Amino acid sequence: LDWKERHPLLMRPKKHNELGPERLAHLYAYEY
């Protein structure tokens, strides 16, 4: 995969119905 295809690794913005930070790549460990 390339950088533009990173979303499957949870490296993407949070969806409106999801919890956590704006960018899910920056979750705290316990938040996963």
Full PDB file with SEQRES, HELIX, SHEET, SSBOND, CRYST1, ORIGX, SCALE, CONECT and MASTER records, all heavy atoms in Angstrom:
SEQRES   1 A   32  LEU ASP TRP LYS GLU ARG HIS PRO LEU LEU MET ARG PRO          
SEQRES   2 A   32  LYS LYS HIS ASN GLU LEU GLY PRO GLU ARG LEU ALA HIS          
SEQRES   3 A   32  LEU TYR ALA TYR GLU TYR                                      
HELIX    1 AA1 TRP A    3  GLU A    5  5                                   3    
HELIX    2 AA2 HIS A    7  LEU A    9  5                                   3    
HELIX    3 AA3 LEU A   24  HIS A   26  5                                   3    
HELIX    4 AA4 ALA A   29  GLU A   31  5                                   3    
CRYST1    1.000    1.000    1.000  90.00  90.00  90.00 P 1           1          
ORIGX1      1.000000  0.000000  0.000000        0.00000                         
ORIGX2      0.000000  1.000000  0.000000        0.00000                         
ORIGX3      0.000000  0.000000  1.000000        0.00000                         
SCALE1      1.000000  0.000000  0.000000        0.00000                         
SCALE2      0.000000  1.000000  0.000000        0.00000                         
SCALE3      0.000000  0.000000  1.000000        0.00000                         
ATOM      1  N   LEU A   1       0.834  -1.194   0.000  1.00  0.00           N  
ATOM      2  CA  LEU A   1       0.000   0.000   0.000  1.00  0.00           C  
ATOM      3  C   LEU A   1       0.871   1.247   0.000  1.00  0.00           C  
ATOM      4  O   LEU A   1       2.007   1.221   0.465  1.00  0.00           O  
ATOM      5  CB  LEU A   1      -0.914   0.022   1.236  1.00  0.00           C  
ATOM      6  CG  LEU A   1      -1.849  -1.180   1.425  1.00  0.00           C  
ATOM      7  CD1 LEU A   1      -2.560  -1.085   2.766  1.00  0.00           C  
ATOM      8  CD2 LEU A   1      -2.859  -1.254   0.284  1.00  0.00           C  
ATOM      9  N   ASP A   2       0.319   2.347  -0.528  1.00  0.00           N  
ATOM     10  CA  ASP A   2       1.052   3.609  -0.438  1.00  0.00           C  
ATOM     11  C   ASP A   2       0.396   4.497   0.618  1.00  0.00           C  
ATOM     12  O   ASP A   2      -0.592   4.120   1.251  1.00  0.00           O  
ATOM     13  CB  ASP A   2       1.150   4.309  -1.798  1.00  0.00           C  
ATOM     14  CG  ASP A   2      -0.211   4.704  -2.376  1.00  0.00           C  
ATOM     15  OD1 ASP A   2      -1.172   4.907  -1.605  1.00  0.00           O  
ATOM     16  OD2 ASP A   2      -0.310   4.813  -3.604  1.00  0.00           O  
ATOM     17  N   TRP A   3       0.950   5.703   0.797  1.00  0.00           N  
ATOM     18  CA  TRP A   3       0.489   6.584   1.877  1.00  0.00           C  
ATOM     19  C   TRP A   3      -0.984   6.952   1.722  1.00  0.00           C  
ATOM     20  O   TRP A   3      -1.714   7.080   2.715  1.00  0.00           O  
ATOM     21  CB  TRP A   3       1.352   7.841   1.920  1.00  0.00           C  
ATOM     22  CG  TRP A   3       1.042   8.746   3.080  1.00  0.00           C  
ATOM     23  CD1 TRP A   3       0.533  10.002   3.030  1.00  0.00           C  
ATOM     24  CD2 TRP A   3       1.247   8.468   4.471  1.00  0.00           C  
ATOM     25  NE1 TRP A   3       0.396  10.527   4.302  1.00  0.00           N  
ATOM     26  CE2 TRP A   3       0.833   9.598   5.196  1.00  0.00           C  
ATOM     27  CE3 TRP A   3       1.745   7.352   5.168  1.00  0.00           C  
ATOM     28  CZ2 TRP A   3       0.897   9.670   6.595  1.00  0.00           C  
ATOM     29  CZ3 TRP A   3       1.800   7.415   6.555  1.00  0.00           C  
ATOM     30  CH2 TRP A   3       1.377   8.556   7.254  1.00  0.00           C  
ATOM     31  N   LYS A   4      -1.463   7.085   0.496  1.00  0.00           N  
ATOM     32  CA  LYS A   4      -2.857   7.451   0.269  1.00  0.00           C  
ATOM     33  C   LYS A   4      -3.806   6.310   0.603  1.00  0.00           C  
ATOM     34  O   LYS A   4      -5.020   6.518   0.730  1.00  0.00           O  
ATOM     35  CB  LYS A   4      -3.054   7.879  -1.185  1.00  0.00           C  
ATOM     36  CG  LYS A   4      -2.335   9.187  -1.539  1.00  0.00           C  
ATOM     37  CD  LYS A   4      -2.562   9.562  -2.993  1.00  0.00           C  
ATOM     38  CE  LYS A   4      -1.842  10.857  -3.337  1.00  0.00           C  
ATOM     39  NZ  LYS A   4      -2.031  11.242  -4.769  1.00  0.00           N  
ATOM     40  N   GLU A   5      -3.259   5.099   0.757  1.00  0.00           N  
ATOM     41  CA  GLU A   5      -4.079   3.926   1.060  1.00  0.00           C  
ATOM     42  C   GLU A   5      -3.932   3.480   2.513  1.00  0.00           C  
ATOM     43  O   GLU A   5      -4.161   2.321   2.841  1.00  0.00           O  
ATOM     44  CB  GLU A   5      -3.681   2.771   0.137  1.00  0.00           C  
ATOM     45  CG  GLU A   5      -3.857   3.070  -1.347  1.00  0.00           C  
ATOM     46  CD  GLU A   5      -3.249   1.996  -2.240  1.00  0.00           C  
ATOM     47  OE1 GLU A   5      -2.031   1.751  -2.123  1.00  0.00           O  
ATOM     48  OE2 GLU A   5      -4.002   1.410  -3.044  1.00  0.00           O  
ATOM     49  N   ARG A   6      -3.598   4.424   3.396  1.00  0.00           N  
ATOM     50  CA  ARG A   6      -3.286   4.090   4.788  1.00  0.00           C  
ATOM     51  C   ARG A   6      -4.507   3.882   5.682  1.00  0.00           C  
ATOM     52  O   ARG A   6      -4.388   3.403   6.808  1.00  0.00           O  
ATOM     53  CB  ARG A   6      -2.400   5.167   5.403  1.00  0.00           C  
ATOM     54  CG  ARG A   6      -3.051   6.537   5.553  1.00  0.00           C  
ATOM     55  CD  ARG A   6      -1.993   7.578   5.940  1.00  0.00           C  
ATOM     56  NE  ARG A   6      -2.535   8.910   6.171  1.00  0.00           N  
ATOM     57  CZ  ARG A   6      -2.800   9.791   5.221  1.00  0.00           C  
ATOM     58  NH1 ARG A   6      -2.582   9.469   3.952  1.00  0.00           N  
ATOM     59  NH2 ARG A   6      -3.265  10.991   5.523  1.00  0.00           N  
ATOM     60  N   HIS A   7      -5.700   4.227   5.209  1.00  0.00           N  
ATOM     61  CA  HIS A   7      -6.899   4.162   6.048  1.00  0.00           C  
ATOM     62  C   HIS A   7      -7.174   2.789   6.659  1.00  0.00           C  
ATOM     63  O   HIS A   7      -7.645   2.709   7.799  1.00  0.00           O  
ATOM     64  CB  HIS A   7      -8.126   4.641   5.265  1.00  0.00           C  
ATOM     65  CG  HIS A   7      -8.136   6.125   5.061  1.00  0.00           C  
ATOM     66  ND1 HIS A   7      -9.263   6.828   4.676  1.00  0.00           N  
ATOM     67  CD2 HIS A   7      -7.163   7.065   5.197  1.00  0.00           C  
ATOM     68  CE1 HIS A   7      -8.981   8.120   4.573  1.00  0.00           C  
ATOM     69  NE2 HIS A   7      -7.708   8.283   4.877  1.00  0.00           N  
ATOM     70  N   PRO A   8      -6.913   1.662   5.965  1.00  0.00           N  
ATOM     71  CA  PRO A   8      -7.167   0.357   6.584  1.00  0.00           C  
ATOM     72  C   PRO A   8      -6.354   0.102   7.857  1.00  0.00           C  
ATOM     73  O   PRO A   8      -6.714  -0.773   8.649  1.00  0.00           O  
ATOM     74  CB  PRO A   8      -6.779  -0.639   5.476  1.00  0.00           C  
ATOM     75  CG  PRO A   8      -6.960   0.120   4.212  1.00  0.00           C  
ATOM     76  CD  PRO A   8      -6.535   1.515   4.535  1.00  0.00           C  
ATOM     77  N   LEU A   9      -5.284   0.846   8.056  1.00  0.00           N  
ATOM     78  CA  LEU A   9      -4.469   0.697   9.262  1.00  0.00           C  
ATOM     79  C   LEU A   9      -4.910   1.666  10.353  1.00  0.00           C  
ATOM     80  O   LEU A   9      -4.188   1.916  11.315  1.00  0.00           O  
ATOM     81  CB  LEU A   9      -2.982   0.896   8.943  1.00  0.00           C  
ATOM     82  CG  LEU A   9      -2.210  -0.359   8.497  1.00  0.00           C  
ATOM     83  CD1 LEU A   9      -2.768  -0.892   7.184  1.00  0.00           C  
ATOM     84  CD2 LEU A   9      -0.723  -0.070   8.364  1.00  0.00           C  
ATOM     85  N   LEU A  10      -6.123   2.185  10.208  1.00  0.00           N  
ATOM     86  CA  LEU A  10      -6.723   3.126  11.170  1.00  0.00           C  
ATOM     87  C   LEU A  10      -5.996   4.465  11.170  1.00  0.00           C  
ATOM     88  O   LEU A  10      -6.049   5.209  12.143  1.00  0.00           O  
ATOM     89  CB  LEU A  10      -6.757   2.532  12.585  1.00  0.00           C  
ATOM     90  CG  LEU A  10      -7.871   3.030  13.511  1.00  0.00           C  
ATOM     91  CD1 LEU A  10      -9.242   2.660  12.955  1.00  0.00           C  
ATOM     92  CD2 LEU A  10      -7.721   2.476  14.919  1.00  0.00           C  
ATOM     93  N   MET A  11      -5.338   4.761  10.097  1.00  0.00           N  
ATOM     94  CA  MET A  11      -4.668   6.050   9.958  1.00  0.00           C  
ATOM     95  C   MET A  11      -5.548   6.953   9.104  1.00  0.00           C  
ATOM     96  O   MET A  11      -5.316   7.148   7.906  1.00  0.00           O  
ATOM     97  CB  MET A  11      -3.281   5.857   9.355  1.00  0.00           C  
ATOM     98  CG  MET A  11      -2.402   4.973  10.204  1.00  0.00           C  
ATOM     99  SD  MET A  11      -0.703   4.983   9.639  1.00  0.00           S  
ATOM    100  CE  MET A  11      -0.238   6.677   9.987  1.00  0.00           C  
ATOM    101  N   ARG A  12      -6.574   7.476   9.745  1.00  0.00           N  
ATOM    102  CA  ARG A  12      -7.576   8.268   9.039  1.00  0.00           C  
ATOM    103  C   ARG A  12      -8.300   9.173  10.025  1.00  0.00           C  
ATOM    104  O   ARG A  12      -8.213   8.997  11.239  1.00  0.00           O  
ATOM    105  CB  ARG A  12      -8.585   7.344   8.356  1.00  0.00           C  
ATOM    106  CG  ARG A  12      -9.302   6.406   9.328  1.00  0.00           C  
ATOM    107  CD  ARG A  12     -10.403   5.615   8.636  1.00  0.00           C  
ATOM    108  NE  ARG A  12     -11.022   4.622   9.513  1.00  0.00           N  
ATOM    109  CZ  ARG A  12     -11.940   4.899  10.419  1.00  0.00           C  
ATOM    110  NH1 ARG A  12     -12.351   6.148  10.614  1.00  0.00           N  
ATOM    111  NH2 ARG A  12     -12.457   3.946  11.168  1.00  0.00           N  
ATOM    112  N   PRO A  13      -9.043  10.137   9.487  1.00  0.00           N  
ATOM    113  CA  PRO A  13      -9.874  10.967  10.373  1.00  0.00           C  
ATOM    114  C   PRO A  13     -10.990  10.138  10.997  1.00  0.00           C  
ATOM    115  O   PRO A  13     -11.456   9.154  10.412  1.00  0.00           O  
ATOM    116  CB  PRO A  13     -10.449  12.029   9.424  1.00  0.00           C  
ATOM    117  CG  PRO A  13      -9.556  12.014   8.224  1.00  0.00           C  
ATOM    118  CD  PRO A  13      -9.060  10.608   8.096  1.00  0.00           C  
ATOM    119  N   LYS A  14     -11.408  10.550  12.168  1.00  0.00           N  
ATOM    120  CA  LYS A  14     -12.539   9.904  12.839  1.00  0.00           C  
ATOM    121  C   LYS A  14     -13.832  10.211  12.093  1.00  0.00           C  
ATOM    122  O   LYS A  14     -14.059  11.336  11.649  1.00  0.00           O  
ATOM    123  CB  LYS A  14     -12.623  10.419  14.278  1.00  0.00           C  
ATOM    124  CG  LYS A  14     -13.789   9.877  15.087  1.00  0.00           C  
ATOM    125  CD  LYS A  14     -13.826  10.491  16.475  1.00  0.00           C  
ATOM    126  CE  LYS A  14     -14.108  11.987  16.395  1.00  0.00           C  
ATOM    127  NZ  LYS A  14     -14.288  12.587  17.733  1.00  0.00           N  
ATOM    128  N   LYS A  15     -14.698   9.200  11.960  1.00  0.00           N  
ATOM    129  CA  LYS A  15     -16.014   9.410  11.368  1.00  0.00           C  
ATOM    130  C   LYS A  15     -16.953  10.015  12.414  1.00  0.00           C  
ATOM    131  O   LYS A  15     -16.691   9.937  13.613  1.00  0.00           O  
ATOM    132  CB  LYS A  15     -16.572   8.082  10.845  1.00  0.00           C  
ATOM    133  CG  LYS A  15     -15.732   7.467   9.736  1.00  0.00           C  
ATOM    134  CD  LYS A  15     -16.273   6.107   9.322  1.00  0.00           C  
ATOM    135  CE  LYS A  15     -15.384   5.459   8.271  1.00  0.00           C  
ATOM    136  NZ  LYS A  15     -15.848   4.093   7.901  1.00  0.00           N  
ATOM    137  N   HIS A  16     -18.047  10.592  11.951  1.00  0.00           N  
ATOM    138  CA  HIS A  16     -18.928  11.344  12.855  1.00  0.00           C  
ATOM    139  C   HIS A  16     -19.522  10.479  13.956  1.00  0.00           C  
ATOM    140  O   HIS A  16     -19.850  10.977  15.038  1.00  0.00           O  
ATOM    141  CB  HIS A  16     -20.049  12.028  12.055  1.00  0.00           C  
ATOM    142  CG  HIS A  16     -21.129  11.098  11.577  1.00  0.00           C  
ATOM    143  ND1 HIS A  16     -20.997  10.316  10.441  1.00  0.00           N  
ATOM    144  CD2 HIS A  16     -22.349  10.814  12.094  1.00  0.00           C  
ATOM    145  CE1 HIS A  16     -22.098   9.598  10.270  1.00  0.00           C  
ATOM    146  NE2 HIS A  16     -22.926   9.876  11.249  1.00  0.00           N  
ATOM    147  N   ASN A  17     -19.660   9.179  13.699  1.00  0.00           N  
ATOM    148  CA  ASN A  17     -20.266   8.289  14.688  1.00  0.00           C  
ATOM    149  C   ASN A  17     -19.226   7.516  15.505  1.00  0.00           C  
ATOM    150  O   ASN A  17     -19.573   6.590  16.238  1.00  0.00           O  
ATOM    151  CB  ASN A  17     -21.225   7.307  13.997  1.00  0.00           C  
ATOM    152  CG  ASN A  17     -20.518   6.414  12.985  1.00  0.00           C  
ATOM    153  OD1 ASN A  17     -19.465   6.785  12.453  1.00  0.00           O  
ATOM    154  ND2 ASN A  17     -21.082   5.244  12.719  1.00  0.00           N  
ATOM    155  N   GLU A  18     -17.959   7.870  15.382  1.00  0.00           N  
ATOM    156  CA  GLU A  18     -16.897   7.171  16.093  1.00  0.00           C  
ATOM    157  C   GLU A  18     -16.388   8.007  17.270  1.00  0.00           C  
ATOM    158  O   GLU A  18     -16.587   9.220  17.329  1.00  0.00           O  
ATOM    159  CB  GLU A  18     -15.730   6.866  15.141  1.00  0.00           C  
ATOM    160  CG  GLU A  18     -16.082   5.865  14.060  1.00  0.00           C  
ATOM    161  CD  GLU A  18     -14.935   5.621  13.098  1.00  0.00           C  
ATOM    162  OE1 GLU A  18     -14.227   6.584  12.745  1.00  0.00           O  
ATOM    163  OE2 GLU A  18     -14.761   4.458  12.674  1.00  0.00           O  
ATOM    164  N   LEU A  19     -15.721   7.344  18.186  1.00  0.00           N  
ATOM    165  CA  LEU A  19     -15.168   7.998  19.363  1.00  0.00           C  
ATOM    166  C   LEU A  19     -13.654   8.127  19.244  1.00  0.00           C  
ATOM    167  O   LEU A  19     -13.010   7.367  18.530  1.00  0.00           O  
ATOM    168  CB  LEU A  19     -15.516   7.193  20.622  1.00  0.00           C  
ATOM    169  CG  LEU A  19     -17.003   7.021  20.925  1.00  0.00           C  
ATOM    170  CD1 LEU A  19     -17.186   6.070  22.112  1.00  0.00           C  
ATOM    171  CD2 LEU A  19     -17.657   8.363  21.211  1.00  0.00           C  
ATOM    172  N   GLY A  20     -13.098   9.102  19.985  1.00  0.00           N  
ATOM    173  CA  GLY A  20     -11.653   9.265  19.988  1.00  0.00           C  
ATOM    174  C   GLY A  20     -11.228  10.607  19.424  1.00  0.00           C  
ATOM    175  O   GLY A  20     -12.052  11.506  19.213  1.00  0.00           O  
ATOM    176  N   PRO A  21      -9.941  10.754  19.171  1.00  0.00           N  
ATOM    177  CA  PRO A  21      -9.414  12.017  18.650  1.00  0.00           C  
ATOM    178  C   PRO A  21      -9.789  12.233  17.192  1.00  0.00           C  
ATOM    179  O   PRO A  21     -10.237  11.306  16.512  1.00  0.00           O  
ATOM    180  CB  PRO A  21      -7.901  11.843  18.799  1.00  0.00           C  
ATOM    181  CG  PRO A  21      -7.693  10.367  18.690  1.00  0.00           C  
ATOM    182  CD  PRO A  21      -8.884   9.749  19.366  1.00  0.00           C  
ATOM    183  N   GLU A  22      -9.597  13.451  16.712  1.00  0.00           N  
ATOM    184  CA  GLU A  22      -9.921  13.778  15.318  1.00  0.00           C  
ATOM    185  C   GLU A  22      -9.233  12.840  14.344  1.00  0.00           C  
ATOM    186  O   GLU A  22      -9.815  12.411  13.356  1.00  0.00           O  
ATOM    187  CB  GLU A  22      -9.504  15.223  15.010  1.00  0.00           C  
ATOM    188  CG  GLU A  22     -10.393  16.273  15.620  1.00  0.00           C  
ATOM    189  CD  GLU A  22      -9.937  17.674  15.284  1.00  0.00           C  
ATOM    190  OE1 GLU A  22      -8.761  17.856  14.878  1.00  0.00           O  
ATOM    191  OE2 GLU A  22     -10.748  18.590  15.436  1.00  0.00           O  
ATOM    192  N   ARG A  23      -7.973  12.523  14.634  1.00  0.00           N  
ATOM    193  CA  ARG A  23      -7.213  11.606  13.786  1.00  0.00           C  
ATOM    194  C   ARG A  23      -6.930  10.339  14.592  1.00  0.00           C  
ATOM    195  O   ARG A  23      -6.267  10.385  15.633  1.00  0.00           O  
ATOM    196  CB  ARG A  23      -5.920  12.246  13.289  1.00  0.00           C  
ATOM    197  CG  ARG A  23      -6.148  13.538  12.515  1.00  0.00           C  
ATOM    198  CD  ARG A  23      -5.013  13.855  11.568  1.00  0.00           C  
ATOM    199  NE  ARG A  23      -4.892  12.871  10.498  1.00  0.00           N  
ATOM    200  CZ  ARG A  23      -5.621  12.896   9.371  1.00  0.00           C  
ATOM    201  NH1 ARG A  23      -6.529  13.822   9.173  1.00  0.00           N  
ATOM    202  NH2 ARG A  23      -5.434  11.979   8.450  1.00  0.00           N  
ATOM    203  N   LEU A  24      -7.444   9.215  14.111  1.00  0.00           N  
ATOM    204  CA  LEU A  24      -7.373   7.970  14.878  1.00  0.00           C  
ATOM    205  C   LEU A  24      -5.963   7.419  14.990  1.00  0.00           C  
ATOM    206  O   LEU A  24      -5.701   6.546  15.824  1.00  0.00           O  
ATOM    207  CB  LEU A  24      -8.311   6.931  14.265  1.00  0.00           C  
ATOM    208  CG  LEU A  24      -9.799   7.320  14.277  1.00  0.00           C  
ATOM    209  CD1 LEU A  24     -10.629   6.242  13.595  1.00  0.00           C  
ATOM    210  CD2 LEU A  24     -10.294   7.556  15.699  1.00  0.00           C  
ATOM    211  N   ALA A  25      -5.045   7.926  14.177  1.00  0.00           N  
ATOM    212  CA  ALA A  25      -3.646   7.500  14.305  1.00  0.00           C  
ATOM    213  C   ALA A  25      -3.081   7.897  15.662  1.00  0.00           C  
ATOM    214  O   ALA A  25      -2.071   7.335  16.101  1.00  0.00           O  
ATOM    215  CB  ALA A  25      -2.805   8.117  13.198  1.00  0.00           C  
ATOM    216  N   HIS A  26      -3.723   8.872  16.331  1.00  0.00           N  
ATOM    217  CA  HIS A  26      -3.196   9.388  17.586  1.00  0.00           C  
ATOM    218  C   HIS A  26      -4.029   8.965  18.796  1.00  0.00           C  
ATOM    219  O   HIS A  26      -4.142   9.705  19.782  1.00  0.00           O  
ATOM    220  CB  HIS A  26      -3.102  10.919  17.515  1.00  0.00           C  
ATOM    221  CG  HIS A  26      -2.210  11.394  16.416  1.00  0.00           C  
ATOM    222  ND1 HIS A  26      -2.421  12.566  15.718  1.00  0.00           N  
ATOM    223  CD2 HIS A  26      -1.091  10.837  15.881  1.00  0.00           C  
ATOM    224  CE1 HIS A  26      -1.472  12.718  14.813  1.00  0.00           C  
ATOM    225  NE2 HIS A  26      -0.657  11.670  14.887  1.00  0.00           N  
ATOM    226  N   LEU A  27      -4.581   7.773  18.732  1.00  0.00           N  
ATOM    227  CA  LEU A  27      -5.271   7.199  19.889  1.00  0.00           C  
ATOM    228  C   LEU A  27      -4.280   6.921  21.012  1.00  0.00           C  
ATOM    229  O   LEU A  27      -3.145   6.512  20.772  1.00  0.00           O  
ATOM    230  CB  LEU A  27      -5.949   5.889  19.507  1.00  0.00           C  
ATOM    231  CG  LEU A  27      -7.222   5.954  18.648  1.00  0.00           C  
ATOM    232  CD1 LEU A  27      -7.449   4.619  17.967  1.00  0.00           C  
ATOM    233  CD2 LEU A  27      -8.421   6.327  19.511  1.00  0.00           C  
ATOM    234  N   TYR A  28      -4.729   7.132  22.251  1.00  0.00           N  
ATOM    235  CA  TYR A  28      -3.967   6.620  23.396  1.00  0.00           C  
ATOM    236  C   TYR A  28      -4.064   5.092  23.356  1.00  0.00           C  
ATOM    237  O   TYR A  28      -5.010   4.528  22.798  1.00  0.00           O  
ATOM    238  CB  TYR A  28      -4.551   7.109  24.721  1.00  0.00           C  
ATOM    239  CG  TYR A  28      -4.494   8.604  24.952  1.00  0.00           C  
ATOM    240  CD1 TYR A  28      -5.423   9.221  25.786  1.00  0.00           C  
ATOM    241  CD2 TYR A  28      -3.506   9.400  24.369  1.00  0.00           C  
ATOM    242  CE1 TYR A  28      -5.377  10.583  26.030  1.00  0.00           C  
ATOM    243  CE2 TYR A  28      -3.452  10.754  24.610  1.00  0.00           C  
ATOM    244  CZ  TYR A  28      -4.391  11.352  25.435  1.00  0.00           C  
ATOM    245  OH  TYR A  28      -4.347  12.698  25.676  1.00  0.00           O  
ATOM    246  N   ALA A  29      -3.132   4.418  23.992  1.00  0.00           N  
ATOM    247  CA  ALA A  29      -3.133   2.950  23.957  1.00  0.00           C  
ATOM    248  C   ALA A  29      -4.449   2.364  24.466  1.00  0.00           C  
ATOM    249  O   ALA A  29      -5.027   1.466  23.833  1.00  0.00           O  
ATOM    250  CB  ALA A  29      -1.956   2.408  24.780  1.00  0.00           C  
ATOM    251  N   TYR A  30      -4.943   2.875  25.586  1.00  0.00           N  
ATOM    252  CA  TYR A  30      -6.157   2.287  26.170  1.00  0.00           C  
ATOM    253  C   TYR A  30      -7.402   2.584  25.334  1.00  0.00           C  
ATOM    254  O   TYR A  30      -8.420   1.884  25.425  1.00  0.00           O  
ATOM    255  CB  TYR A  30      -6.358   2.759  27.619  1.00  0.00           C  
ATOM    256  CG  TYR A  30      -6.739   4.212  27.783  1.00  0.00           C  
ATOM    257  CD1 TYR A  30      -8.067   4.628  27.658  1.00  0.00           C  
ATOM    258  CD2 TYR A  30      -5.779   5.173  28.095  1.00  0.00           C  
ATOM    259  CE1 TYR A  30      -8.418   5.951  27.825  1.00  0.00           C  
ATOM    260  CE2 TYR A  30      -6.122   6.504  28.261  1.00  0.00           C  
ATOM    261  CZ  TYR A  30      -7.441   6.890  28.122  1.00  0.00           C  
ATOM    262  OH  TYR A  30      -7.788   8.212  28.292  1.00  0.00           O  
ATOM    263  N   GLU A  31      -7.339   3.625  24.491  1.00  0.00           N  
ATOM    264  CA  GLU A  31      -8.504   3.996  23.696  1.00  0.00           C  
ATOM    265  C   GLU A  31      -8.795   3.007  22.577  1.00  0.00           C  
ATOM    266  O   GLU A  31      -9.929   2.938  22.091  1.00  0.00           O  
ATOM    267  CB  GLU A  31      -8.315   5.407  23.125  1.00  0.00           C  
ATOM    268  CG  GLU A  31      -8.367   6.499  24.182  1.00  0.00           C  
ATOM    269  CD  GLU A  31      -8.127   7.887  23.621  1.00  0.00           C  
ATOM    270  OE1 GLU A  31      -7.433   8.003  22.578  1.00  0.00           O  
ATOM    271  OE2 GLU A  31      -8.620   8.863  24.227  1.00  0.00           O  
ATOM    272  N   TYR A  32      -7.807   2.244  22.146  1.00  0.00           N  
ATOM    273  CA  TYR A  32      -8.036   1.266  21.079  1.00  0.00           C  
ATOM    274  C   TYR A  32      -9.140   0.287  21.469  1.00  0.00           C  
ATOM    275  O   TYR A  32     -10.027  -0.029  20.669  1.00  0.00           O  
ATOM    276  CB  TYR A  32      -6.751   0.500  20.767  1.00  0.00           C  
ATOM    277  CG  TYR A  32      -5.783   1.252  19.891  1.00  0.00           C  
ATOM    278  CD1 TYR A  32      -4.790   2.060  20.440  1.00  0.00           C  
ATOM    279  CD2 TYR A  32      -5.860   1.163  18.506  1.00  0.00           C  
ATOM    280  CE1 TYR A  32      -3.905   2.755  19.638  1.00  0.00           C  
ATOM    281  CE2 TYR A  32      -4.986   1.854  17.683  1.00  0.00           C  
ATOM    282  CZ  TYR A  32      -4.005   2.651  18.268  1.00  0.00           C  
ATOM    283  OH  TYR A  32      -3.137   3.350  17.466  1.00  0.00           O  
TER     284      TYR A  32                                                      
MASTER        0    0    0    4    0    0    0    6  283    1    0    3          
END                                                                             
